[in-house]
Every structure is written in C-alpha cells, then in structure tokens.
Amino acid sequence: MWVLHTTNTKIVEPRLFRIYGTGAEIKDLENLIYIGTFQMHNGDMVWHVFEEIEDSSLFIEDVLKQSVKQPTEQ
C-alpha cells in the first residue's frame, strides 16, 4: 500500500487494514472506514480496503469538524 507521509517526523502510528473480496461477509462494519477498491486479473477479482478504527463516533466527529469551514478574519 502506498501512503503520503511527512518524512521529517518521528511519530509512528500503527494502523490496521482489512481487505475483503466482493461478496464476502464483512463483520464489524461499524468499526471500519472504507479506503478504496482495487482489481486484479483484468477485473475478475475485486477487493475493498477498510481501515479498522476503535470508535467510529470519533471518526465521524473529526469529519464533521473538517467539513465546517471557519469564517476568515479580515
């Protein structure tokens, strides 16, 4: 998996990802954030990538905070 990161930081944060094939049963969906989909063998195999999170309500709060634009001061 390729990621974009800052190389001048020493902070390391372990993260867990799950990959499911199309049609597979996904357990604990409320604790997963969808990352993306990729295909193999000319689309014959389709996979979906999710990141595990401990508390989905914290993720939703972060998304909401980022989506609300703060007024700019003049």
PDB file of N, CA and C in Angstrom:
ATOM      1  N   MET A   1       0.849  -1.159   0.000  1.00  0.00           N
ATOM      2  CA  MET A   1       0.000   0.000   0.000  1.00  0.00           C
ATOM      3  C   MET A   1       0.901   1.229   0.000  1.00  0.00           C
ATOM      4  N   TRP A   2       0.615   2.181  -0.852  1.00  0.00           N
ATOM      5  CA  TRP A   2       1.351   3.437  -0.906  1.00  0.00           C
ATOM      6  C   TRP A   2       0.650   4.462  -0.035  1.00  0.00           C
ATOM      7  N   VAL A   3       1.419   5.266   0.676  1.00  0.00           N
ATOM      8  CA  VAL A   3       0.854   6.318   1.508  1.00  0.00           C
ATOM      9  C   VAL A   3       1.645   7.601   1.317  1.00  0.00           C
ATOM     10  N   LEU A   4       0.997   8.711   1.584  1.00  0.00           N
ATOM     11  CA  LEU A   4       1.648  10.008   1.574  1.00  0.00           C
ATOM     12  C   LEU A   4       1.944  10.366   3.021  1.00  0.00           C
ATOM     13  N   HIS A   5       3.190  10.678   3.312  1.00  0.00           N
ATOM     14  CA  HIS A   5       3.552  10.990   4.686  1.00  0.00           C
ATOM     15  C   HIS A   5       4.660  12.025   4.715  1.00  0.00           C
ATOM     16  N   THR A   6       4.829  12.647   5.861  1.00  0.00           N
ATOM     17  CA  THR A   6       5.894  13.608   6.067  1.00  0.00           C
ATOM     18  C   THR A   6       7.132  12.852   6.530  1.00  0.00           C
ATOM     19  N   THR A   7       8.251  13.093   5.883  1.00  0.00           N
ATOM     20  CA  THR A   7       9.452  12.341   6.216  1.00  0.00           C
ATOM     21  C   THR A   7      10.238  12.946   7.367  1.00  0.00           C
ATOM     22  N   ASN A   8       9.885  14.154   7.778  1.00  0.00           N
ATOM     23  CA  ASN A   8      10.663  14.798   8.844  1.00  0.00           C
ATOM     24  C   ASN A   8      10.030  14.625  10.224  1.00  0.00           C
ATOM     25  N   THR A   9       9.187  13.651  10.400  1.00  0.00           N
ATOM     26  CA  THR A   9       8.576  13.395  11.697  1.00  0.00           C
ATOM     27  C   THR A   9       9.001  12.020  12.210  1.00  0.00           C
ATOM     28  N   LYS A  10       9.062  11.882  13.513  1.00  0.00           N
ATOM     29  CA  LYS A  10       9.448  10.597  14.103  1.00  0.00           C
ATOM     30  C   LYS A  10       8.257   9.895  14.752  1.00  0.00           C
ATOM     31  N   ILE A  11       7.065  10.436  14.545  1.00  0.00           N
ATOM     32  CA  ILE A  11       5.871   9.839  15.123  1.00  0.00           C
ATOM     33  C   ILE A  11       5.464   8.624  14.284  1.00  0.00           C
ATOM     34  N   VAL A  12       5.275   7.507  14.955  1.00  0.00           N
ATOM     35  CA  VAL A  12       4.842   6.283  14.290  1.00  0.00           C
ATOM     36  C   VAL A  12       3.497   5.890  14.881  1.00  0.00           C
ATOM     37  N   GLU A  13       2.540   5.677  14.013  1.00  0.00           N
ATOM     38  CA  GLU A  13       1.204   5.304  14.467  1.00  0.00           C
ATOM     39  C   GLU A  13       0.803   4.001  13.776  1.00  0.00           C
ATOM     40  N   PRO A  14       0.701   2.914  14.535  1.00  0.00           N
ATOM     41  CA  PRO A  14       0.283   1.663  13.902  1.00  0.00           C
ATOM     42  C   PRO A  14      -1.169   1.752  13.443  1.00  0.00           C
ATOM     43  N   ARG A  15      -1.437   1.187  12.294  1.00  0.00           N
ATOM     44  CA  ARG A  15      -2.798   1.196  11.759  1.00  0.00           C
ATOM     45  C   ARG A  15      -3.112  -0.197  11.230  1.00  0.00           C
ATOM     46  N   LEU A  16      -4.382  -0.571  11.317  1.00  0.00           N
ATOM     47  CA  LEU A  16      -4.819  -1.893  10.859  1.00  0.00           C
ATOM     48  C   LEU A  16      -5.762  -1.747   9.670  1.00  0.00           C
ATOM     49  N   PHE A  17      -5.542  -2.572   8.663  1.00  0.00           N
ATOM     50  CA  PHE A  17      -6.380  -2.550   7.469  1.00  0.00           C
ATOM     51  C   PHE A  17      -6.927  -3.949   7.220  1.00  0.00           C
ATOM     52  N   ARG A  18      -8.113  -3.986   6.625  1.00  0.00           N
ATOM     53  CA  ARG A  18      -8.718  -5.258   6.222  1.00  0.00           C
ATOM     54  C   ARG A  18      -9.043  -5.178   4.733  1.00  0.00           C
ATOM     55  N   ILE A  19      -8.899  -6.293   4.063  1.00  0.00           N
ATOM     56  CA  ILE A  19      -9.225  -6.371   2.645  1.00  0.00           C
ATOM     57  C   ILE A  19     -10.252  -7.490   2.449  1.00  0.00           C
ATOM     58  N   TYR A  20     -11.349  -7.163   1.768  1.00  0.00           N
ATOM     59  CA  TYR A  20     -12.417  -8.128   1.513  1.00  0.00           C
ATOM     60  C   TYR A  20     -12.678  -8.210   0.020  1.00  0.00           C
ATOM     61  N   GLY A  21     -12.933  -9.408  -0.462  1.00  0.00           N
ATOM     62  CA  GLY A  21     -13.357  -9.589  -1.843  1.00  0.00           C
ATOM     63  C   GLY A  21     -14.834  -9.249  -1.973  1.00  0.00           C
ATOM     64  N   THR A  22     -15.234  -8.829  -3.169  1.00  0.00           N
ATOM     65  CA  THR A  22     -16.640  -8.534  -3.418  1.00  0.00           C
ATOM     66  C   THR A  22     -17.483  -9.756  -3.087  1.00  0.00           C
ATOM     67  N   GLY A  23     -18.542  -9.543  -2.325  1.00  0.00           N
ATOM     68  CA  GLY A  23     -19.442 -10.625  -1.936  1.00  0.00           C
ATOM     69  C   GLY A  23     -19.090 -11.283  -0.617  1.00  0.00           C
ATOM     70  N   ALA A  24     -17.909 -10.972  -0.073  1.00  0.00           N
ATOM     71  CA  ALA A  24     -17.512 -11.562   1.212  1.00  0.00           C
ATOM     72  C   ALA A  24     -18.288 -10.895   2.344  1.00  0.00           C
ATOM     73  N   GLU A  25     -18.536 -11.650   3.395  1.00  0.00           N
ATOM     74  CA  GLU A  25     -19.206 -11.101   4.569  1.00  0.00           C
ATOM     75  C   GLU A  25     -18.234 -10.183   5.317  1.00  0.00           C
ATOM     76  N   ILE A  26     -18.711  -8.984   5.638  1.00  0.00           N
ATOM     77  CA  ILE A  26     -17.878  -8.022   6.361  1.00  0.00           C
ATOM     78  C   ILE A  26     -18.431  -7.894   7.772  1.00  0.00           C
ATOM     79  N   LYS A  27     -17.628  -8.305   8.741  1.00  0.00           N
ATOM     80  CA  LYS A  27     -18.050  -8.210  10.137  1.00  0.00           C
ATOM     81  C   LYS A  27     -17.537  -6.902  10.729  1.00  0.00           C
ATOM     82  N   ASP A  28     -18.223  -6.414  11.753  1.00  0.00           N
ATOM     83  CA  ASP A  28     -17.837  -5.187  12.455  1.00  0.00           C
ATOM     84  C   ASP A  28     -17.755  -3.986  11.520  1.00  0.00           C
ATOM     85  N   LEU A  29     -18.694  -3.877  10.591  1.00  0.00           N
ATOM     86  CA  LEU A  29     -18.666  -2.791   9.616  1.00  0.00           C
ATOM     87  C   LEU A  29     -18.684  -1.421  10.286  1.00  0.00           C
ATOM     88  N   GLU A  30     -19.321  -1.324  11.456  1.00  0.00           N
ATOM     89  CA  GLU A  30     -19.388  -0.039  12.165  1.00  0.00           C
ATOM     90  C   GLU A  30     -18.017   0.416  12.662  1.00  0.00           C
ATOM     91  N   ASN A  31     -17.045  -0.493  12.697  1.00  0.00           N
ATOM     92  CA  ASN A  31     -15.691  -0.144  13.139  1.00  0.00           C
ATOM     93  C   ASN A  31     -14.705  -0.086  11.976  1.00  0.00           C
ATOM     94  N   LEU A  32     -15.225   0.069  10.760  1.00  0.00           N
ATOM     95  CA  LEU A  32     -14.382   0.122   9.580  1.00  0.00           C
ATOM     96  C   LEU A  32     -14.663   1.394   8.783  1.00  0.00           C
ATOM     97  N   ILE A  33     -13.615   1.954   8.222  1.00  0.00           N
ATOM     98  CA  ILE A  33     -13.736   3.102   7.333  1.00  0.00           C
ATOM     99  C   ILE A  33     -13.296   2.638   5.945  1.00  0.00           C
ATOM    100  N   TYR A  34     -14.146   2.865   4.954  1.00  0.00           N
ATOM    101  CA  TYR A  34     -13.826   2.455   3.589  1.00  0.00           C
ATOM    102  C   TYR A  34     -12.680   3.311   3.048  1.00  0.00           C
ATOM    103  N   ILE A  35     -11.652   2.663   2.496  1.00  0.00           N
ATOM    104  CA  ILE A  35     -10.492   3.355   1.933  1.00  0.00           C
ATOM    105  C   ILE A  35     -10.555   3.372   0.412  1.00  0.00           C
ATOM    106  N   GLY A  36     -10.812   2.230  -0.188  1.00  0.00           N
ATOM    107  CA  GLY A  36     -10.850   2.179  -1.642  1.00  0.00           C
ATOM    108  C   GLY A  36     -11.036   0.767  -2.162  1.00  0.00           C
ATOM    109  N   THR A  37     -11.050   0.652  -3.481  1.00  0.00           N
ATOM    110  CA  THR A  37     -11.264  -0.618  -4.152  1.00  0.00           C
ATOM    111  C   THR A  37     -10.159  -0.808  -5.184  1.00  0.00           C
ATOM    112  N   PHE A  38      -9.722  -2.044  -5.369  1.00  0.00           N
ATOM    113  CA  PHE A  38      -8.771  -2.333  -6.429  1.00  0.00           C
ATOM    114  C   PHE A  38      -9.145  -3.648  -7.100  1.00  0.00           C
ATOM    115  N   GLN A  39      -8.668  -3.812  -8.326  1.00  0.00           N
ATOM    116  CA  GLN A  39      -8.985  -5.003  -9.104  1.00  0.00           C
ATOM    117  C   GLN A  39      -7.707  -5.740  -9.502  1.00  0.00           C
ATOM    118  N   MET A  40      -7.869  -7.043  -9.690  1.00  0.00           N
ATOM    119  CA  MET A  40      -6.765  -7.882 -10.155  1.00  0.00           C
ATOM    120  C   MET A  40      -7.285  -8.760 -11.291  1.00  0.00           C
ATOM    121  N   HIS A  41      -6.386  -9.251 -12.111  1.00  0.00           N
ATOM    122  CA  HIS A  41      -6.715 -10.184 -13.199  1.00  0.00           C
ATOM    123  C   HIS A  41      -7.807  -9.606 -14.104  1.00  0.00           C
ATOM    124  N   ASN A  42      -7.523  -8.392 -14.602  1.00  0.00           N
ATOM    125  CA  ASN A  42      -8.444  -7.710 -15.539  1.00  0.00           C
ATOM    126  C   ASN A  42      -9.855  -7.566 -14.990  1.00  0.00           C
ATOM    127  N   GLY A  43      -9.982  -7.323 -13.685  1.00  0.00           N
ATOM    128  CA  GLY A  43     -11.281  -7.101 -13.065  1.00  0.00           C
ATOM    129  C   GLY A  43     -12.004  -8.356 -12.630  1.00  0.00           C
ATOM    130  N   ASP A  44     -11.383  -9.511 -12.826  1.00  0.00           N
ATOM    131  CA  ASP A  44     -12.028 -10.760 -12.386  1.00  0.00           C
ATOM    132  C   ASP A  44     -12.066 -10.862 -10.864  1.00  0.00           C
ATOM    133  N   MET A  45     -11.116 -10.215 -10.201  1.00  0.00           N
ATOM    134  CA  MET A  45     -11.087 -10.201  -8.735  1.00  0.00           C
ATOM    135  C   MET A  45     -11.163  -8.739  -8.281  1.00  0.00           C
ATOM    136  N   VAL A  46     -12.165  -8.432  -7.448  1.00  0.00           N
ATOM    137  CA  VAL A  46     -12.360  -7.065  -6.955  1.00  0.00           C
ATOM    138  C   VAL A  46     -12.255  -7.085  -5.441  1.00  0.00           C
ATOM    139  N   TRP A  47     -11.405  -6.200  -4.911  1.00  0.00           N
ATOM    140  CA  TRP A  47     -11.116  -6.155  -3.483  1.00  0.00           C
ATOM    141  C   TRP A  47     -11.456  -4.775  -2.922  1.00  0.00           C
ATOM    142  N   HIS A  48     -11.849  -4.735  -1.665  1.00  0.00           N
ATOM    143  CA  HIS A  48     -12.227  -3.491  -0.999  1.00  0.00           C
ATOM    144  C   HIS A  48     -11.388  -3.349   0.275  1.00  0.00           C
ATOM    145  N   VAL A  49     -10.784  -2.187   0.462  1.00  0.00           N
ATOM    146  CA  VAL A  49      -9.870  -1.943   1.574  1.00  0.00           C
ATOM    147  C   VAL A  49     -10.566  -1.072   2.615  1.00  0.00           C
ATOM    148  N   PHE A  50     -10.472  -1.488   3.871  1.00  0.00           N
ATOM    149  CA  PHE A  50     -11.052  -0.762   5.001  1.00  0.00           C
ATOM    150  C   PHE A  50      -9.979  -0.583   6.070  1.00  0.00           C
ATOM    151  N   GLU A  51     -10.063   0.528   6.790  1.00  0.00           N
ATOM    152  CA  GLU A  51      -9.197   0.719   7.953  1.00  0.00           C
ATOM    153  C   GLU A  51     -10.007   0.446   9.204  1.00  0.00           C
ATOM    154  N   GLU A  52      -9.409  -0.306  10.126  1.00  0.00           N
ATOM    155  CA  GLU A  52     -10.055  -0.565  11.420  1.00  0.00           C
ATOM    156  C   GLU A  52      -9.928   0.655  12.303  1.00  0.00           C
ATOM    157  N   ILE A  53     -11.015   1.010  12.975  1.00  0.00           N
ATOM    158  CA  ILE A  53     -10.983   2.084  13.965  1.00  0.00           C
ATOM    159  C   ILE A  53     -11.627   1.574  15.238  1.00  0.00           C
ATOM    160  N   GLU A  54     -11.208   2.147  16.360  1.00  0.00           N
ATOM    161  CA  GLU A  54     -11.741   1.685  17.640  1.00  0.00           C
ATOM    162  C   GLU A  54     -13.132   2.228  17.908  1.00  0.00           C
ATOM    163  N   ASP A  55     -13.356   3.491  17.576  1.00  0.00           N
ATOM    164  CA  ASP A  55     -14.633   4.135  17.880  1.00  0.00           C
ATOM    165  C   ASP A  55     -15.048   4.983  16.687  1.00  0.00           C
ATOM    166  N   SER A  56     -16.033   4.513  15.935  1.00  0.00           N
ATOM    167  CA  SER A  56     -16.440   5.222  14.724  1.00  0.00           C
ATOM    168  C   SER A  56     -17.021   6.595  15.017  1.00  0.00           C
ATOM    169  N   SER A  57     -17.554   6.814  16.214  1.00  0.00           N
ATOM    170  CA  SER A  57     -18.115   8.130  16.526  1.00  0.00           C
ATOM    171  C   SER A  57     -17.022   9.193  16.546  1.00  0.00           C
ATOM    172  N   LEU A  58     -15.799   8.829  16.963  1.00  0.00           N
ATOM    173  CA  LEU A  58     -14.697   9.780  16.947  1.00  0.00           C
ATOM    174  C   LEU A  58     -14.333  10.153  15.518  1.00  0.00           C
ATOM    175  N   PHE A  59     -14.354   9.180  14.607  1.00  0.00           N
ATOM    176  CA  PHE A  59     -14.056   9.458  13.207  1.00  0.00           C
ATOM    177  C   PHE A  59     -15.099  10.399  12.621  1.00  0.00           C
ATOM    178  N   ILE A  60     -16.368  10.147  12.902  1.00  0.00           N
ATOM    179  CA  ILE A  60     -17.445  10.991  12.374  1.00  0.00           C
ATOM    180  C   ILE A  60     -17.313  12.414  12.892  1.00  0.00           C
ATOM    181  N   GLU A  61     -16.975  12.579  14.167  1.00  0.00           N
ATOM    182  CA  GLU A  61     -16.770  13.917  14.727  1.00  0.00           C
ATOM    183  C   GLU A  61     -15.638  14.641  14.008  1.00  0.00           C
ATOM    184  N   ASP A  62     -14.548  13.946  13.726  1.00  0.00           N
ATOM    185  CA  ASP A  62     -13.418  14.552  13.008  1.00  0.00           C
ATOM    186  C   ASP A  62     -13.829  14.983  11.611  1.00  0.00           C
ATOM    187  N   VAL A  63     -14.584  14.165  10.913  1.00  0.00           N
ATOM    188  CA  VAL A  63     -15.027  14.501   9.562  1.00  0.00           C
ATOM    189  C   VAL A  63     -15.918  15.738   9.599  1.00  0.00           C
ATOM    190  N   LEU A  64     -16.822  15.778  10.558  1.00  0.00           N
ATOM    191  CA  LEU A  64     -17.711  16.928  10.658  1.00  0.00           C
ATOM    192  C   LEU A  64     -16.946  18.209  10.962  1.00  0.00           C
ATOM    193  N   LYS A  65     -15.966  18.141  11.833  1.00  0.00           N
ATOM    194  CA  LYS A  65     -15.153  19.314  12.154  1.00  0.00           C
ATOM    195  C   LYS A  65     -14.410  19.820  10.929  1.00  0.00           C
ATOM    196  N   GLN A  66     -13.887  18.910  10.125  1.00  0.00           N
ATOM    197  CA  GLN A  66     -13.137  19.301   8.945  1.00  0.00           C
ATOM    198  C   GLN A  66     -14.037  19.844   7.846  1.00  0.00           C
ATOM    199  N   SER A  67     -15.295  19.415   7.804  1.00  0.00           N
ATOM    200  CA  SER A  67     -16.187  19.847   6.738  1.00  0.00           C
ATOM    201  C   SER A  67     -16.793  21.225   7.002  1.00  0.00           C
ATOM    202  N   VAL A  68     -16.737  21.689   8.248  1.00  0.00           N
ATOM    203  CA  VAL A  68     -17.278  23.005   8.587  1.00  0.00           C
ATOM    204  C   VAL A  68     -16.164  24.027   8.424  1.00  0.00           C
ATOM    205  N   LYS A  69     -16.342  24.925   7.465  1.00  0.00           N
ATOM    206  CA  LYS A  69     -15.316  25.928   7.217  1.00  0.00           C
ATOM    207  C   LYS A  69     -15.449  27.054   8.246  1.00  0.00           C
ATOM    208  N   GLN A  70     -14.324  27.446   8.773  1.00  0.00           N
ATOM    209  CA  GLN A  70     -14.283  28.546   9.731  1.00  0.00           C
ATOM    210  C   GLN A  70     -14.302  29.873   8.963  1.00  0.00           C
ATOM    211  N   PRO A  71     -15.034  30.882   9.465  1.00  0.00           N
ATOM    212  CA  PRO A  71     -15.026  32.198   8.796  1.00  0.00           C
ATOM    213  C   PRO A  71     -13.614  32.810   8.852  1.00  0.00           C
ATOM    214  N   THR A  72     -13.238  33.459   7.792  1.00  0.00           N
ATOM    215  CA  THR A  72     -11.921  34.077   7.755  1.00  0.00           C
ATOM    216  C   THR A  72     -12.003  35.478   8.347  1.00  0.00           C
ATOM    217  N   GLU A  73     -10.975  35.830   9.100  1.00  0.00           N
ATOM    218  CA  GLU A  73     -10.937  37.156   9.711  1.00  0.00           C
ATOM    219  C   GLU A  73     -10.287  38.128   8.751  1.00  0.00           C
ATOM    220  N   GLN A  74     -10.815  39.370   8.722  1.00  0.00           N
ATOM    221  CA  GLN A  74     -10.258  40.395   7.844  1.00  0.00           C
ATOM    222  C   GLN A  74      -9.685  41.525   8.621  1.00  0.00           C
TER     223      GLN A  74
END
